[in-house]
């Protein structure tokens, strides 16, 4: 349950940064937003992979 909330919040942050990147496309802040977005995306990807592995373990117990 908490992981779902974390996924939702991470995705919302990524979406907000994407919007800011459109606004700041000619600004130095664009690079900062891009780095932050990439970092959040890596975190989100790891969290989703962890959830997928957990679901697979639950479906196929030894």
N, C-alpha and C. Protein backbone atom coordinates (compact mmCIF):
# COMPACT_ATOMS: atom_id res chain seq x y z
N UNK A 1 0.83 -1.19 0.00
CA UNK A 1 0.00 0.00 0.00
C UNK A 1 0.87 1.25 0.00
N UNK A 2 1.86 1.28 0.88
CA UNK A 2 2.76 2.44 0.92
C UNK A 2 3.58 2.55 -0.35
N UNK A 3 3.91 1.39 -0.94
CA UNK A 3 4.68 1.40 -2.19
C UNK A 3 3.85 2.02 -3.31
N UNK A 4 2.54 1.74 -3.34
CA UNK A 4 1.69 2.33 -4.36
C UNK A 4 1.65 3.85 -4.22
N UNK A 5 1.61 4.32 -3.00
CA UNK A 5 1.63 5.77 -2.76
C UNK A 5 2.96 6.36 -3.20
N UNK A 6 4.05 5.65 -2.94
CA UNK A 6 5.37 6.11 -3.36
C UNK A 6 5.45 6.18 -4.88
N UNK A 7 4.92 5.17 -5.55
CA UNK A 7 4.91 5.16 -7.02
C UNK A 7 4.12 6.35 -7.54
N UNK A 8 2.95 6.57 -6.97
CA UNK A 8 2.11 7.68 -7.40
C UNK A 8 2.80 9.02 -7.20
N UNK A 9 3.43 9.20 -6.05
CA UNK A 9 4.11 10.47 -5.77
C UNK A 9 5.33 10.67 -6.67
N UNK A 10 6.09 9.60 -6.90
CA UNK A 10 7.24 9.71 -7.80
C UNK A 10 6.80 10.08 -9.21
N UNK A 11 5.75 9.42 -9.69
CA UNK A 11 5.27 9.70 -11.04
C UNK A 11 4.75 11.13 -11.13
N UNK A 12 4.08 11.60 -10.10
CA UNK A 12 3.58 12.98 -10.09
C UNK A 12 4.75 13.97 -10.14
N UNK A 13 5.81 13.67 -9.41
CA UNK A 13 7.00 14.53 -9.42
C UNK A 13 7.66 14.55 -10.80
N UNK A 14 7.74 13.39 -11.42
CA UNK A 14 8.32 13.29 -12.76
C UNK A 14 7.48 14.08 -13.75
N UNK A 15 6.16 13.93 -13.67
CA UNK A 15 5.28 14.66 -14.58
C UNK A 15 5.40 16.17 -14.39
N UNK A 16 5.51 16.61 -13.15
CA UNK A 16 5.68 18.03 -12.87
C UNK A 16 7.00 18.55 -13.45
N UNK A 17 8.07 17.77 -13.31
CA UNK A 17 9.35 18.17 -13.88
C UNK A 17 9.30 18.23 -15.40
N UNK A 18 8.59 17.30 -16.03
CA UNK A 18 8.44 17.35 -17.49
C UNK A 18 7.78 18.66 -17.91
N UNK A 19 6.75 19.05 -17.17
CA UNK A 19 6.07 20.31 -17.49
C UNK A 19 7.00 21.50 -17.28
N UNK A 20 7.75 21.49 -16.18
CA UNK A 20 8.70 22.58 -15.92
C UNK A 20 9.76 22.65 -17.01
N UNK A 21 10.17 21.49 -17.53
CA UNK A 21 11.18 21.46 -18.58
C UNK A 21 10.65 22.12 -19.85
N UNK A 22 9.36 21.98 -20.12
CA UNK A 22 8.78 22.66 -21.28
C UNK A 22 8.80 24.17 -21.09
N UNK A 23 8.49 24.60 -19.88
CA UNK A 23 8.46 26.03 -19.58
C UNK A 23 9.87 26.61 -19.58
N UNK A 24 10.81 25.89 -19.02
CA UNK A 24 12.18 26.37 -18.86
C UNK A 24 13.10 25.87 -19.98
N UNK A 25 12.56 25.57 -21.14
CA UNK A 25 13.35 24.94 -22.19
C UNK A 25 14.54 25.79 -22.64
N UNK A 26 14.48 27.09 -22.45
CA UNK A 26 15.59 27.96 -22.85
C UNK A 26 16.33 28.51 -21.64
N UNK A 27 16.24 27.82 -20.57
CA UNK A 27 16.78 28.31 -19.31
C UNK A 27 17.82 27.32 -18.77
N UNK A 28 18.71 27.81 -17.95
CA UNK A 28 19.70 26.93 -17.32
C UNK A 28 19.06 25.92 -16.38
N UNK A 29 17.87 26.23 -15.88
CA UNK A 29 17.18 25.31 -14.98
C UNK A 29 16.78 24.03 -15.69
N UNK A 30 16.68 24.07 -17.01
CA UNK A 30 16.29 22.88 -17.77
C UNK A 30 17.21 21.70 -17.45
N UNK A 31 18.51 21.94 -17.43
CA UNK A 31 19.46 20.86 -17.14
C UNK A 31 19.27 20.32 -15.73
N UNK A 32 19.00 21.20 -14.81
CA UNK A 32 18.75 20.78 -13.43
C UNK A 32 17.49 19.92 -13.35
N UNK A 33 16.44 20.36 -14.03
CA UNK A 33 15.20 19.60 -14.06
C UNK A 33 15.42 18.24 -14.71
N UNK A 34 16.19 18.22 -15.78
CA UNK A 34 16.46 16.98 -16.50
C UNK A 34 17.20 15.98 -15.61
N UNK A 35 18.22 16.44 -14.90
CA UNK A 35 18.96 15.54 -13.99
C UNK A 35 18.04 15.00 -12.90
N UNK A 36 17.24 15.89 -12.33
CA UNK A 36 16.34 15.47 -11.26
C UNK A 36 15.30 14.48 -11.79
N UNK A 37 14.76 14.73 -12.96
CA UNK A 37 13.79 13.82 -13.57
C UNK A 37 14.40 12.45 -13.81
N UNK A 38 15.61 12.42 -14.33
CA UNK A 38 16.28 11.15 -14.58
C UNK A 38 16.50 10.38 -13.28
N UNK A 39 16.89 11.08 -12.23
CA UNK A 39 17.12 10.43 -10.95
C UNK A 39 15.81 9.86 -10.40
N UNK A 40 14.75 10.63 -10.47
CA UNK A 40 13.46 10.14 -9.99
C UNK A 40 12.97 8.96 -10.82
N UNK A 41 13.23 9.01 -12.13
CA UNK A 41 12.81 7.91 -13.00
C UNK A 41 13.56 6.62 -12.64
N UNK A 42 14.85 6.73 -12.32
CA UNK A 42 15.61 5.54 -11.91
C UNK A 42 15.04 4.96 -10.63
N UNK A 43 14.69 5.82 -9.68
CA UNK A 43 14.11 5.36 -8.42
C UNK A 43 12.78 4.67 -8.69
N UNK A 44 11.95 5.29 -9.52
CA UNK A 44 10.65 4.71 -9.85
C UNK A 44 10.81 3.36 -10.54
N UNK A 45 11.73 3.27 -11.48
CA UNK A 45 11.96 2.01 -12.19
C UNK A 45 12.39 0.91 -11.23
N UNK A 46 13.27 1.23 -10.28
CA UNK A 46 13.70 0.22 -9.30
C UNK A 46 12.54 -0.22 -8.41
N UNK A 47 11.72 0.74 -8.00
CA UNK A 47 10.58 0.42 -7.15
C UNK A 47 9.58 -0.46 -7.89
N UNK A 48 9.32 -0.15 -9.15
CA UNK A 48 8.39 -0.96 -9.94
C UNK A 48 8.96 -2.36 -10.19
N UNK A 49 10.26 -2.46 -10.42
CA UNK A 49 10.89 -3.78 -10.61
C UNK A 49 10.79 -4.60 -9.33
N UNK A 50 10.97 -3.95 -8.20
CA UNK A 50 10.86 -4.64 -6.91
C UNK A 50 9.43 -5.16 -6.71
N UNK A 51 8.43 -4.33 -7.06
CA UNK A 51 7.04 -4.76 -6.94
C UNK A 51 6.75 -5.92 -7.89
N UNK A 52 7.28 -5.87 -9.11
CA UNK A 52 7.05 -6.93 -10.08
C UNK A 52 7.67 -8.24 -9.60
N UNK A 53 8.86 -8.17 -9.03
CA UNK A 53 9.52 -9.36 -8.50
C UNK A 53 8.73 -9.93 -7.32
N UNK A 54 8.22 -9.05 -6.48
CA UNK A 54 7.43 -9.48 -5.33
C UNK A 54 6.15 -10.18 -5.81
N UNK A 55 5.50 -9.59 -6.81
CA UNK A 55 4.27 -10.20 -7.36
C UNK A 55 4.58 -11.56 -7.98
N UNK A 56 5.69 -11.67 -8.69
CA UNK A 56 6.07 -12.93 -9.31
C UNK A 56 6.35 -14.00 -8.24
N UNK A 57 7.00 -13.60 -7.14
CA UNK A 57 7.28 -14.54 -6.06
C UNK A 57 5.99 -15.03 -5.40
N UNK A 58 5.01 -14.13 -5.27
CA UNK A 58 3.74 -14.50 -4.66
C UNK A 58 2.95 -15.45 -5.55
N UNK A 59 3.08 -15.28 -6.87
CA UNK A 59 2.35 -16.13 -7.80
C UNK A 59 3.00 -17.50 -7.97
N UNK A 60 4.32 -17.57 -7.80
CA UNK A 60 5.07 -18.81 -7.99
C UNK A 60 5.89 -19.18 -6.75
N UNK A 61 5.23 -19.52 -5.65
CA UNK A 61 6.01 -19.89 -4.46
C UNK A 61 6.71 -21.23 -4.69
N UNK A 62 7.83 -21.38 -4.01
CA UNK A 62 8.62 -22.63 -4.15
C UNK A 62 7.98 -23.77 -3.42
